[in-house]
Amino acid sequence: VLSAFLQQLYSFQANLLTVNQGLPVDGIASFSVSFRIPSEDFDPEVMLNELSEIDGVISVKRIHGE
């Protein structure tokens, strides 16, 4: 799932900053990814919707950085 998620970010030309993955519990592992979007004209909602549709992804949350 993480691999598919990262491939989707790559397709959007996002700049990957960090990846943190927890240990699996009952077959489910949480992970967080920090990245920058390509430009200010980019619509992040489109990307978030596509990321949430990846098989195995349960939740995608957007946290705004300052």
Protein backbone atom coordinates (compact mmCIF):
# COMPACT_ATOMS: atom_id res chain seq x y z
CA VAL A 1 0.00 0.00 0.00
CA LEU A 2 2.83 2.37 0.88
CA SER A 3 4.51 1.65 -2.45
CA ALA A 4 1.31 2.41 -4.38
CA PHE A 5 0.84 5.58 -2.34
CA LEU A 6 4.36 6.79 -3.09
CA GLN A 7 3.96 5.95 -6.79
CA GLN A 8 0.80 8.08 -6.89
CA LEU A 9 2.64 10.98 -5.26
CA TYR A 10 5.37 10.60 -7.89
CA SER A 11 2.76 10.78 -10.65
CA PHE A 12 1.68 14.16 -9.24
CA GLN A 13 5.32 15.32 -9.17
CA ALA A 14 5.15 15.87 -5.40
CA ASN A 15 8.46 16.36 -3.59
CA LEU A 16 8.75 13.72 -0.87
CA LEU A 17 10.14 15.07 2.42
CA THR A 18 9.59 12.32 5.03
CA VAL A 19 8.04 8.86 5.39
CA ASN A 20 7.25 7.30 8.77
CA GLN A 21 5.70 3.82 9.05
CA GLY A 22 4.52 2.09 12.20
CA LEU A 23 4.66 -1.63 12.92
CA PRO A 24 1.71 -3.65 11.59
CA VAL A 25 -0.98 -4.58 14.11
CA ASP A 26 -3.57 -7.11 12.94
CA GLY A 27 -2.33 -6.66 9.38
CA ILE A 28 -2.70 -2.88 9.38
CA ALA A 29 0.23 -0.46 9.49
CA SER A 30 -0.10 3.28 9.75
CA PHE A 31 2.20 5.64 7.91
CA SER A 32 2.62 9.34 7.51
CA VAL A 33 4.12 11.10 4.54
CA SER A 34 5.26 14.71 4.26
CA PHE A 35 5.59 16.25 0.83
CA ARG A 36 5.40 19.48 -1.11
CA ILE A 37 3.01 19.97 -3.97
CA PRO A 38 4.42 21.14 -7.31
CA SER A 39 2.97 24.67 -7.46
CA GLU A 40 0.47 27.06 -5.94
CA ASP A 41 -1.85 26.52 -8.93
CA PHE A 42 -2.10 22.83 -8.05
CA ASP A 43 -5.42 21.56 -6.58
CA PRO A 44 -4.45 19.32 -3.65
CA GLU A 45 -8.02 18.04 -3.24
CA VAL A 46 -7.74 16.17 -6.55
CA MET A 47 -4.57 14.47 -5.36
CA LEU A 48 -6.02 13.66 -1.92
CA ASN A 49 -9.08 12.08 -3.53
CA GLU A 50 -6.93 9.88 -5.76
CA LEU A 51 -4.68 8.89 -2.84
CA SER A 52 -7.71 7.89 -0.76
CA GLU A 53 -8.93 5.62 -3.59
CA ILE A 54 -5.79 3.43 -3.48
CA ASP A 55 -6.70 -0.12 -2.46
CA GLY A 56 -5.78 -0.57 1.20
CA VAL A 57 -5.74 3.13 2.13
CA ILE A 58 -8.19 3.75 4.97
CA SER A 59 -7.77 7.47 5.56
CA VAL A 60 -5.93 10.43 4.04
CA LYS A 61 -5.68 13.63 6.06
CA ARG A 62 -4.30 16.99 5.04
CA ILE A 63 -2.32 18.85 7.66
CA HIS A 64 -1.30 22.38 6.70
CA GLY A 65 2.29 23.36 7.34
CA GLU A 66 3.27 26.88 8.05
